[in-house]
Amino acid sequence: MKNLSEFQTRKEWQEFIWLEFIKKLQETKSAKQLQETVEIILSAKEKDLIIKRLTAAFLISQGKKYREIGDILWISHGTISAVKKNLSKKSIYHGSQYYTAQNAKTKNDLKNKLENSRSKKITIKDMGEATADLINWLNSLPIFIPTHGKNRWQFLDLRYKDNMRYGKNRLIK
């Protein structure tokens, strides 16, 4: 791994670390291994924040208003705005109009869909039905992860392999 002094800026270093982390996640061989890797790194609060941001992105794509999203998820308008800007920044997704326009066949159909989606309040019952839509939407997001690497993070696998072979209660000396 590169030394911190080899990077010209902190941002460059952060991007390098993030890409290495993404590569590590990509190398996981099963959902269980991926879950264990993520749970080692993220706290319960961080997982909660990620879930709220993903759900906010989904609700934005459904054409919900900031106030509705804030009431459902208990997040600020600033957070919702940041999620919306990140969705539209340098990607093929441009807010709720993109998603509804994909499914609409005519301008009138698009107008009706927008009016219906904005006037309908989301209830707890609807959230259960929306979970499948959220998962499908997450699967449709483009993922641009490089498929090559130099196994710089191979040492992280040692802990996992050791746990699988000897059990989690083994003391590593």
N, C-alpha and C. Protein backbone atom coordinates (compact mmCIF):
# COMPACT_ATOMS: atom_id res chain seq x y z
N MET A 1 0.84 -1.18 0.00
CA MET A 1 0.00 0.00 0.00
C MET A 1 0.88 1.24 0.00
N LYS A 2 0.39 2.26 -0.65
CA LYS A 2 1.14 3.51 -0.72
C LYS A 2 1.18 4.18 0.65
N ASN A 3 2.23 4.94 0.87
CA ASN A 3 2.32 5.76 2.08
C ASN A 3 1.48 7.01 1.90
N LEU A 4 1.05 7.56 3.00
CA LEU A 4 0.24 8.78 2.97
C LEU A 4 1.01 9.92 2.31
N SER A 5 2.32 9.95 2.49
CA SER A 5 3.13 11.04 1.93
C SER A 5 3.22 10.98 0.40
N GLU A 6 2.87 9.85 -0.19
CA GLU A 6 2.92 9.72 -1.65
C GLU A 6 1.74 10.39 -2.36
N PHE A 7 0.73 10.76 -1.60
CA PHE A 7 -0.44 11.41 -2.18
C PHE A 7 -0.28 12.92 -2.07
N GLN A 8 -0.70 13.62 -3.13
CA GLN A 8 -0.56 15.07 -3.14
C GLN A 8 -1.63 15.76 -2.30
N THR A 9 -2.82 15.19 -2.26
CA THR A 9 -3.90 15.79 -1.48
C THR A 9 -4.60 14.72 -0.64
N ARG A 10 -5.27 15.19 0.37
CA ARG A 10 -6.05 14.28 1.22
C ARG A 10 -7.19 13.65 0.42
N LYS A 11 -7.78 14.44 -0.47
CA LYS A 11 -8.87 13.95 -1.32
C LYS A 11 -8.40 12.79 -2.19
N GLU A 12 -7.22 12.92 -2.75
CA GLU A 12 -6.63 11.86 -3.58
C GLU A 12 -6.44 10.58 -2.75
N TRP A 13 -5.97 10.75 -1.53
CA TRP A 13 -5.77 9.60 -0.63
C TRP A 13 -7.12 8.94 -0.30
N GLN A 14 -8.14 9.77 -0.01
CA GLN A 14 -9.46 9.23 0.31
C GLN A 14 -10.05 8.46 -0.86
N GLU A 15 -9.89 8.99 -2.06
CA GLU A 15 -10.40 8.29 -3.25
C GLU A 15 -9.69 6.96 -3.44
N PHE A 16 -8.38 6.94 -3.21
CA PHE A 16 -7.61 5.70 -3.32
C PHE A 16 -8.12 4.66 -2.32
N ILE A 17 -8.29 5.07 -1.07
CA ILE A 17 -8.77 4.15 -0.03
C ILE A 17 -10.17 3.65 -0.38
N TRP A 18 -11.04 4.55 -0.84
CA TRP A 18 -12.40 4.16 -1.18
C TRP A 18 -12.41 3.14 -2.31
N LEU A 19 -11.60 3.36 -3.36
CA LEU A 19 -11.54 2.41 -4.47
C LEU A 19 -11.00 1.06 -4.02
N GLU A 20 -10.03 1.07 -3.13
CA GLU A 20 -9.51 -0.19 -2.60
C GLU A 20 -10.58 -0.92 -1.80
N PHE A 21 -11.36 -0.18 -1.04
CA PHE A 21 -12.45 -0.78 -0.27
C PHE A 21 -13.49 -1.40 -1.20
N ILE A 22 -13.84 -0.69 -2.27
CA ILE A 22 -14.80 -1.20 -3.24
C ILE A 22 -14.26 -2.46 -3.90
N LYS A 23 -12.97 -2.47 -4.25
CA LYS A 23 -12.37 -3.67 -4.83
C LYS A 23 -12.46 -4.84 -3.86
N LYS A 24 -12.22 -4.56 -2.59
CA LYS A 24 -12.30 -5.60 -1.57
C LYS A 24 -13.71 -6.17 -1.48
N LEU A 25 -14.69 -5.30 -1.52
CA LEU A 25 -16.08 -5.77 -1.49
C LEU A 25 -16.42 -6.60 -2.71
N GLN A 26 -15.85 -6.22 -3.84
CA GLN A 26 -16.12 -6.94 -5.08
C GLN A 26 -15.53 -8.35 -5.04
N GLU A 27 -14.46 -8.52 -4.32
CA GLU A 27 -13.80 -9.82 -4.25
C GLU A 27 -14.51 -10.82 -3.34
N THR A 28 -15.50 -10.37 -2.59
CA THR A 28 -16.20 -11.29 -1.70
C THR A 28 -16.89 -12.37 -2.52
N LYS A 29 -16.88 -13.57 -1.98
CA LYS A 29 -17.39 -14.71 -2.73
C LYS A 29 -18.83 -15.07 -2.39
N SER A 30 -19.35 -14.55 -1.31
CA SER A 30 -20.73 -14.86 -0.93
C SER A 30 -21.36 -13.65 -0.24
N ALA A 31 -22.68 -13.71 -0.16
CA ALA A 31 -23.40 -12.62 0.51
C ALA A 31 -23.05 -12.58 1.99
N LYS A 32 -22.83 -13.75 2.58
CA LYS A 32 -22.48 -13.80 4.01
C LYS A 32 -21.12 -13.15 4.25
N GLN A 33 -20.16 -13.43 3.38
CA GLN A 33 -18.83 -12.83 3.53
C GLN A 33 -18.91 -11.32 3.34
N LEU A 34 -19.71 -10.87 2.37
CA LEU A 34 -19.88 -9.44 2.15
C LEU A 34 -20.51 -8.78 3.38
N GLN A 35 -21.53 -9.42 3.94
CA GLN A 35 -22.19 -8.89 5.13
C GLN A 35 -21.21 -8.80 6.29
N GLU A 36 -20.39 -9.82 6.50
CA GLU A 36 -19.42 -9.80 7.60
C GLU A 36 -18.39 -8.68 7.40
N THR A 37 -17.95 -8.50 6.17
CA THR A 37 -16.97 -7.45 5.88
C THR A 37 -17.55 -6.07 6.17
N VAL A 38 -18.77 -5.83 5.73
CA VAL A 38 -19.40 -4.53 5.94
C VAL A 38 -19.69 -4.31 7.42
N GLU A 39 -20.12 -5.35 8.13
CA GLU A 39 -20.43 -5.20 9.55
C GLU A 39 -19.19 -4.94 10.40
N ILE A 40 -18.04 -5.40 9.95
CA ILE A 40 -16.79 -5.12 10.66
C ILE A 40 -16.49 -3.62 10.59
N ILE A 41 -16.80 -3.01 9.46
CA ILE A 41 -16.41 -1.63 9.21
C ILE A 41 -17.46 -0.62 9.68
N LEU A 42 -18.74 -0.91 9.47
CA LEU A 42 -19.79 0.06 9.76
C LEU A 42 -20.43 -0.17 11.12
N SER A 43 -20.72 0.93 11.80
CA SER A 43 -21.46 0.85 13.06
C SER A 43 -22.95 0.76 12.74
N ALA A 44 -23.76 0.50 13.75
CA ALA A 44 -25.21 0.43 13.57
C ALA A 44 -25.76 1.77 13.09
N LYS A 45 -25.23 2.86 13.61
CA LYS A 45 -25.67 4.20 13.21
C LYS A 45 -25.34 4.47 11.74
N GLU A 46 -24.13 4.07 11.32
CA GLU A 46 -23.74 4.27 9.92
C GLU A 46 -24.61 3.44 8.98
N LYS A 47 -24.93 2.21 9.37
CA LYS A 47 -25.83 1.39 8.56
C LYS A 47 -27.20 2.05 8.45
N ASP A 48 -27.68 2.60 9.56
CA ASP A 48 -28.97 3.29 9.57
C ASP A 48 -28.94 4.49 8.63
N LEU A 49 -27.85 5.25 8.64
CA LEU A 49 -27.73 6.41 7.74
C LEU A 49 -27.73 5.98 6.28
N ILE A 50 -27.03 4.90 5.97
CA ILE A 50 -26.99 4.40 4.59
C ILE A 50 -28.38 3.96 4.15
N ILE A 51 -29.07 3.24 5.01
CA ILE A 51 -30.43 2.78 4.68
C ILE A 51 -31.34 3.97 4.44
N LYS A 52 -31.25 5.00 5.28
CA LYS A 52 -32.09 6.19 5.10
C LYS A 52 -31.77 6.90 3.79
N ARG A 53 -30.49 7.01 3.45
CA ARG A 53 -30.11 7.68 2.20
C ARG A 53 -30.59 6.88 0.98
N LEU A 54 -30.45 5.55 1.03
CA LEU A 54 -30.93 4.71 -0.07
C LEU A 54 -32.44 4.84 -0.23
N THR A 55 -33.14 4.82 0.88
CA THR A 55 -34.59 4.96 0.84
C THR A 55 -34.98 6.35 0.34
N ALA A 56 -34.25 7.37 0.76
CA ALA A 56 -34.52 8.73 0.27
C ALA A 56 -34.33 8.81 -1.24
N ALA A 57 -33.27 8.19 -1.74
CA ALA A 57 -33.04 8.19 -3.19
C ALA A 57 -34.20 7.50 -3.92
N PHE A 58 -34.66 6.41 -3.35
CA PHE A 58 -35.79 5.71 -3.95
C PHE A 58 -37.05 6.57 -3.94
N LEU A 59 -37.34 7.21 -2.82
CA LEU A 59 -38.54 8.05 -2.72
C LEU A 59 -38.45 9.26 -3.65
N ILE A 60 -37.24 9.81 -3.81
CA ILE A 60 -37.04 10.91 -4.77
C ILE A 60 -37.37 10.41 -6.17
N SER A 61 -36.90 9.21 -6.49
CA SER A 61 -37.15 8.65 -7.82
C SER A 61 -38.64 8.40 -8.05
N GLN A 62 -39.40 8.23 -6.97
CA GLN A 62 -40.84 8.03 -7.08
C GLN A 62 -41.60 9.36 -7.16
N GLY A 63 -40.88 10.48 -7.07
CA GLY A 63 -41.51 11.80 -7.20
C GLY A 63 -42.07 12.35 -5.90
N LYS A 64 -41.64 11.83 -4.77
CA LYS A 64 -42.14 12.33 -3.49
C LYS A 64 -41.51 13.68 -3.16
N LYS A 65 -42.24 14.48 -2.40
CA LYS A 65 -41.77 15.81 -2.00
C LYS A 65 -40.82 15.69 -0.82
N TYR A 66 -39.99 16.71 -0.65
CA TYR A 66 -39.02 16.73 0.45
C TYR A 66 -39.71 16.56 1.81
N ARG A 67 -40.83 17.23 1.97
CA ARG A 67 -41.53 17.17 3.26
C ARG A 67 -42.01 15.75 3.56
N GLU A 68 -42.56 15.07 2.55
CA GLU A 68 -43.02 13.69 2.74
C GLU A 68 -41.85 12.78 3.12
N ILE A 69 -40.76 12.93 2.40
CA ILE A 69 -39.58 12.10 2.66
C ILE A 69 -39.05 12.37 4.06
N GLY A 70 -38.97 13.64 4.43
CA GLY A 70 -38.50 14.00 5.76
C GLY A 70 -39.38 13.45 6.86
N ASP A 71 -40.71 13.47 6.64
CA ASP A 71 -41.64 12.95 7.64
C ASP A 71 -41.52 11.43 7.79
N ILE A 72 -41.30 10.75 6.69
CA ILE A 72 -41.20 9.29 6.72
C ILE A 72 -39.90 8.84 7.36
N LEU A 73 -38.79 9.44 6.93
CA LEU A 73 -37.46 8.96 7.33
C LEU A 73 -36.82 9.75 8.46
N TRP A 74 -37.38 10.87 8.83
CA TRP A 74 -36.79 11.74 9.85
C TRP A 74 -35.40 12.20 9.45
N ILE A 75 -35.28 12.72 8.24
CA ILE A 75 -34.01 13.30 7.78
C ILE A 75 -34.28 14.73 7.34
N SER A 76 -33.22 15.53 7.32
CA SER A 76 -33.36 16.96 7.01
C SER A 76 -33.53 17.19 5.51
N HIS A 77 -34.03 18.38 5.18
CA HIS A 77 -34.16 18.76 3.78
C HIS A 77 -32.79 18.85 3.12
N GLY A 78 -31.78 19.24 3.88
CA GLY A 78 -30.42 19.31 3.34
C GLY A 78 -29.90 17.95 2.92
N THR A 79 -30.18 16.94 3.72
CA THR A 79 -29.77 15.57 3.37
C THR A 79 -30.49 15.11 2.12
N ILE A 80 -31.78 15.37 2.05
CA ILE A 80 -32.57 14.98 0.89
C ILE A 80 -32.06 15.69 -0.36
N SER A 81 -31.75 16.98 -0.22
CA SER A 81 -31.21 17.76 -1.33
C SER A 81 -29.88 17.20 -1.81
N ALA A 82 -29.01 16.83 -0.86
CA ALA A 82 -27.71 16.27 -1.22
C ALA A 82 -27.87 14.95 -1.96
N VAL A 83 -28.78 14.11 -1.50
CA VAL A 83 -29.03 12.84 -2.18
C VAL A 83 -29.53 13.09 -3.59
N LYS A 84 -30.46 14.03 -3.74
CA LYS A 84 -31.02 14.33 -5.06
C LYS A 84 -29.94 14.87 -6.00
N LYS A 85 -29.07 15.75 -5.49
CA LYS A 85 -28.00 16.29 -6.33
C LYS A 85 -27.02 15.20 -6.74
N ASN A 86 -26.72 14.29 -5.82
CA ASN A 86 -25.82 13.19 -6.15
C ASN A 86 -26.43 12.25 -7.18
N LEU A 87 -27.73 12.10 -7.15
CA LEU A 87 -28.39 11.26 -8.14
C LEU A 87 -28.28 11.85 -9.54
N SER A 88 -28.38 13.17 -9.63
CA SER A 88 -28.39 13.80 -10.95
C SER A 88 -27.00 14.20 -11.44
N LYS A 89 -26.00 14.19 -10.57
CA LYS A 89 -24.67 14.66 -10.94
C LYS A 89 -23.92 13.62 -11.77
N LYS A 90 -23.62 13.97 -13.01
CA LYS A 90 -22.80 13.16 -13.90
C LYS A 90 -23.25 11.70 -13.95
N SER A 91 -24.54 11.50 -14.07
CA SER A 91 -25.05 10.14 -14.21
C SER A 91 -26.23 10.17 -15.16
N ILE A 92 -26.75 9.00 -15.45
CA ILE A 92 -27.88 8.95 -16.37
C ILE A 92 -29.19 9.20 -15.65
N TYR A 93 -29.15 9.32 -14.33
CA TYR A 93 -30.36 9.53 -13.55
C TYR A 93 -30.52 11.02 -13.25
N HIS A 94 -31.68 11.56 -13.59
CA HIS A 94 -31.93 12.98 -13.40
C HIS A 94 -33.22 13.21 -12.62
N GLY A 95 -33.24 12.77 -11.40
CA GLY A 95 -34.38 13.03 -10.53
C GLY A 95 -35.62 12.25 -10.90
N SER A 96 -36.73 12.64 -10.32
CA SER A 96 -37.97 11.88 -10.46
C SER A 96 -38.50 11.89 -11.89
N GLN A 97 -38.27 12.97 -12.64
CA GLN A 97 -38.79 13.02 -13.99
C GLN A 97 -38.17 11.93 -14.86
N TYR A 98 -36.90 11.59 -14.63
CA TYR A 98 -36.25 10.55 -15.42
C TYR A 98 -36.95 9.21 -15.20
N TYR A 99 -37.17 8.86 -13.95
CA TYR A 99 -37.75 7.56 -13.65
C TYR A 99 -39.18 7.46 -14.12
N THR A 100 -39.97 8.49 -13.89
CA THR A 100 -41.36 8.42 -14.32
C THR A 100 -41.44 8.52 -15.84
N ALA A 101 -40.54 9.26 -16.48
CA ALA A 101 -40.56 9.36 -17.93
C ALA A 101 -40.19 8.03 -18.57
N GLN A 102 -39.38 7.24 -17.90
CA GLN A 102 -39.01 5.93 -18.43
C GLN A 102 -40.23 5.04 -18.58
N ASN A 103 -41.15 5.13 -17.64
CA ASN A 103 -42.30 4.25 -17.64
C ASN A 103 -43.52 4.84 -18.34
N ALA A 104 -43.52 6.14 -18.59
CA ALA A 104 -44.67 6.79 -19.21
C ALA A 104 -44.58 6.70 -20.73
N LYS A 105 -45.74 6.51 -21.38
CA LYS A 105 -45.74 6.38 -22.83
C LYS A 105 -46.09 7.69 -23.53
N THR A 106 -46.88 8.51 -22.91
CA THR A 106 -47.27 9.79 -23.50
C THR A 106 -47.07 10.90 -22.49
N LYS A 107 -47.16 12.14 -22.98
CA LYS A 107 -47.02 13.28 -22.07
C LYS A 107 -48.16 13.31 -21.05
N ASN A 108 -49.37 12.97 -21.48
CA ASN A 108 -50.50 12.94 -20.55
C ASN A 108 -50.31 11.87 -19.49
N ASP A 109 -49.80 10.72 -19.91
CA ASP A 109 -49.54 9.63 -18.97
C ASP A 109 -48.50 10.07 -17.94
N LEU A 110 -47.46 10.77 -18.40
CA LEU A 110 -46.42 11.28 -17.50
C LEU A 110 -47.02 12.27 -16.51
N LYS A 111 -47.85 13.18 -17.02
CA LYS A 111 -48.48 14.18 -16.15
C LYS A 111 -49.36 13.50 -15.09
N ASN A 112 -50.15 12.52 -15.49
CA ASN A 112 -51.01 11.79 -14.55
C ASN A 112 -50.18 11.05 -13.50
N LYS A 113 -49.10 10.42 -13.93
CA LYS A 113 -48.25 9.69 -12.99
C LYS A 113 -47.65 10.63 -11.96
N LEU A 114 -47.16 11.79 -12.41
CA LEU A 114 -46.57 12.75 -11.48
C LEU A 114 -47.61 13.26 -10.47
N GLU A 115 -48.80 13.59 -10.95
CA GLU A 115 -49.85 14.08 -10.05
C GLU A 115 -50.26 13.02 -9.04
N ASN A 116 -50.42 11.78 -9.49
CA ASN A 116 -50.83 10.70 -8.59
C ASN A 116 -49.76 10.38 -7.57
N SER A 117 -48.50 10.37 -7.99
CA SER A 117 -47.43 10.01 -7.06
C SER A 117 -47.21 11.10 -6.01
N ARG A 118 -47.48 12.35 -6.35
CA ARG A 118 -47.26 13.45 -5.39
C ARG A 118 -48.44 13.64 -4.44
N SER A 119 -49.63 13.25 -4.87
CA SER A 119 -50.80 13.45 -4.01
C SER A 119 -51.00 12.30 -3.04
N LYS A 120 -50.41 11.15 -3.30
CA LYS A 120 -50.60 9.97 -2.45
C LYS A 120 -49.63 9.98 -1.28
N LYS A 121 -50.15 9.83 -0.06
CA LYS A 121 -49.31 9.74 1.13
C LYS A 121 -48.82 8.31 1.30
N ILE A 122 -47.61 8.15 1.79
CA ILE A 122 -47.05 6.82 2.02
C ILE A 122 -47.37 6.40 3.45
N THR A 123 -47.90 5.21 3.59
CA THR A 123 -48.20 4.66 4.91
C THR A 123 -47.21 3.54 5.21
N ILE A 124 -47.27 3.03 6.43
CA ILE A 124 -46.40 1.92 6.82
C ILE A 124 -46.70 0.69 5.95
N LYS A 125 -47.97 0.48 5.64
CA LYS A 125 -48.37 -0.66 4.80
C LYS A 125 -47.73 -0.54 3.41
N ASP A 126 -47.71 0.68 2.87
CA ASP A 126 -47.11 0.90 1.55
C ASP A 126 -45.61 0.66 1.57
N MET A 127 -44.97 0.91 2.72
CA MET A 127 -43.52 0.72 2.80
C MET A 127 -43.13 -0.73 2.56
N GLY A 128 -43.96 -1.66 3.03
CA GLY A 128 -43.68 -3.07 2.80
C GLY A 128 -43.72 -3.40 1.32
N GLU A 129 -44.71 -2.85 0.63
CA GLU A 129 -44.84 -3.09 -0.81
C GLU A 129 -43.71 -2.40 -1.58
N ALA A 130 -43.25 -1.27 -1.07
CA ALA A 130 -42.21 -0.51 -1.76
C ALA A 130 -40.82 -1.13 -1.61
N THR A 131 -40.65 -2.04 -0.66
CA THR A 131 -39.34 -2.64 -0.44
C THR A 131 -38.85 -3.37 -1.68
N ALA A 132 -39.74 -4.13 -2.32
CA ALA A 132 -39.35 -4.85 -3.53
C ALA A 132 -38.95 -3.88 -4.63
N ASP A 133 -39.71 -2.78 -4.76
CA ASP A 133 -39.36 -1.76 -5.76
C ASP A 133 -38.01 -1.14 -5.45
N LEU A 134 -37.73 -0.90 -4.17
CA LEU A 134 -36.44 -0.33 -3.77
C LEU A 134 -35.30 -1.26 -4.15
N ILE A 135 -35.46 -2.54 -3.90
CA ILE A 135 -34.40 -3.50 -4.23
C ILE A 135 -34.20 -3.56 -5.74
N ASN A 136 -35.29 -3.57 -6.51
CA ASN A 136 -35.16 -3.57 -7.97
C ASN A 136 -34.47 -2.30 -8.45
N TRP A 137 -34.80 -1.16 -7.84
CA TRP A 137 -34.17 0.10 -8.22
C TRP A 137 -32.68 0.06 -7.91
N LEU A 138 -32.31 -0.47 -6.74
CA LEU A 138 -30.89 -0.58 -6.38
C LEU A 138 -30.15 -1.46 -7.38
N ASN A 139 -30.79 -2.54 -7.81
CA ASN A 139 -30.16 -3.42 -8.79
C ASN A 139 -29.99 -2.76 -10.15
N SER A 140 -30.82 -1.75 -10.44
CA SER A 140 -30.73 -1.09 -11.74
C SER A 140 -29.66 0.01 -11.78
N LEU A 141 -29.11 0.39 -10.62
CA LEU A 141 -28.09 1.43 -10.59
C LEU A 141 -26.84 0.95 -11.31
N PRO A 142 -26.23 1.81 -12.13
CA PRO A 142 -25.00 1.39 -12.80
C PRO A 142 -23.85 1.32 -11.81
N ILE A 143 -23.08 0.26 -11.91
CA ILE A 143 -21.93 0.09 -11.03
C ILE A 143 -20.69 0.06 -11.90
N PHE A 144 -19.82 1.03 -11.70
CA PHE A 144 -18.59 1.12 -12.46
C PHE A 144 -17.42 0.79 -11.55
N ILE A 145 -17.21 -0.48 -11.32
CA ILE A 145 -16.13 -0.93 -10.45
C ILE A 145 -15.07 -1.58 -11.33
N PRO A 146 -13.82 -1.17 -11.18
CA PRO A 146 -12.77 -1.82 -11.96
C PRO A 146 -12.68 -3.29 -11.59
N THR A 147 -12.44 -4.13 -12.59
CA THR A 147 -12.41 -5.57 -12.34
C THR A 147 -11.00 -6.11 -12.17
N HIS A 148 -10.02 -5.26 -12.07
CA HIS A 148 -8.65 -5.73 -11.90
C HIS A 148 -8.06 -5.14 -10.62
N GLY A 149 -7.04 -5.76 -10.14
CA GLY A 149 -6.40 -5.27 -8.93
C GLY A 149 -5.09 -6.00 -8.70
N LYS A 150 -4.36 -5.58 -7.69
CA LYS A 150 -3.05 -6.17 -7.40
C LYS A 150 -3.04 -6.86 -6.04
N ASN A 151 -4.22 -7.20 -5.52
CA ASN A 151 -4.36 -7.91 -4.24
C ASN A 151 -3.65 -7.20 -3.10
N ARG A 152 -3.72 -5.87 -3.08
CA ARG A 152 -3.08 -5.11 -2.01
C ARG A 152 -3.74 -5.34 -0.66
N TRP A 153 -5.01 -5.72 -0.68
CA TRP A 153 -5.76 -5.88 0.57
C TRP A 153 -5.95 -7.35 0.92
N GLN A 154 -5.12 -8.18 0.39
CA GLN A 154 -5.24 -9.62 0.61
C GLN A 154 -5.13 -9.98 2.09
N PHE A 155 -4.37 -9.22 2.85
CA PHE A 155 -4.19 -9.52 4.27
C PHE A 155 -5.50 -9.43 5.04
N LEU A 156 -6.48 -8.68 4.55
CA LEU A 156 -7.77 -8.60 5.23
C LEU A 156 -8.52 -9.92 5.16
N ASP A 157 -8.26 -10.71 4.12
CA ASP A 157 -8.90 -12.01 4.00
C ASP A 157 -8.40 -13.00 5.05
N LEU A 158 -7.20 -12.79 5.57
CA LEU A 158 -6.62 -13.73 6.53
C LEU A 158 -7.49 -13.87 7.77
N ARG A 159 -8.02 -12.77 8.27
CA ARG A 159 -8.87 -12.81 9.46
C ARG A 159 -10.13 -13.62 9.17
N TYR A 160 -10.73 -13.39 8.02
CA TYR A 160 -11.94 -14.11 7.65
C TYR A 160 -11.65 -15.60 7.50
N LYS A 161 -10.59 -15.94 6.79
CA LYS A 161 -10.24 -17.35 6.58
C LYS A 161 -9.91 -18.03 7.90
N ASP A 162 -9.23 -17.31 8.79
CA ASP A 162 -8.90 -17.86 10.09
C ASP A 162 -10.17 -18.14 10.90
N ASN A 163 -11.12 -17.22 10.84
CA ASN A 163 -12.39 -17.42 11.55
C ASN A 163 -13.16 -18.60 10.98
N MET A 164 -13.13 -18.77 9.68
CA MET A 164 -13.84 -19.88 9.06
C MET A 164 -13.19 -21.21 9.41
N ARG A 165 -11.88 -21.24 9.48
CA ARG A 165 -11.17 -22.48 9.73
C ARG A 165 -11.21 -22.88 11.21
N TYR A 166 -10.95 -21.94 12.11
CA TYR A 166 -10.79 -22.27 13.53
C TYR A 166 -11.92 -21.77 14.42
N GLY A 167 -12.83 -21.02 13.89
CA GLY A 167 -13.93 -20.50 14.70
C GLY A 167 -13.63 -19.09 15.18
N LYS A 168 -14.67 -18.38 15.56
CA LYS A 168 -14.52 -16.97 15.92
C LYS A 168 -13.88 -16.76 17.29
N ASN A 169 -13.88 -17.77 18.14
CA ASN A 169 -13.37 -17.59 19.50
C ASN A 169 -11.87 -17.85 19.62
N ARG A 170 -11.21 -18.17 18.53
CA ARG A 170 -9.79 -18.46 18.58
C ARG A 170 -9.00 -17.17 18.79
N LEU A 171 -8.02 -17.21 19.65
CA LEU A 171 -7.16 -16.05 19.88
C LEU A 171 -6.03 -16.06 18.87
N ILE A 172 -5.83 -14.96 18.19
CA ILE A 172 -4.75 -14.84 17.22
C ILE A 172 -3.56 -14.23 17.92
N LYS A 173 -2.43 -14.91 17.84
CA LYS A 173 -1.22 -14.44 18.52
C LYS A 173 -0.29 -13.77 17.55
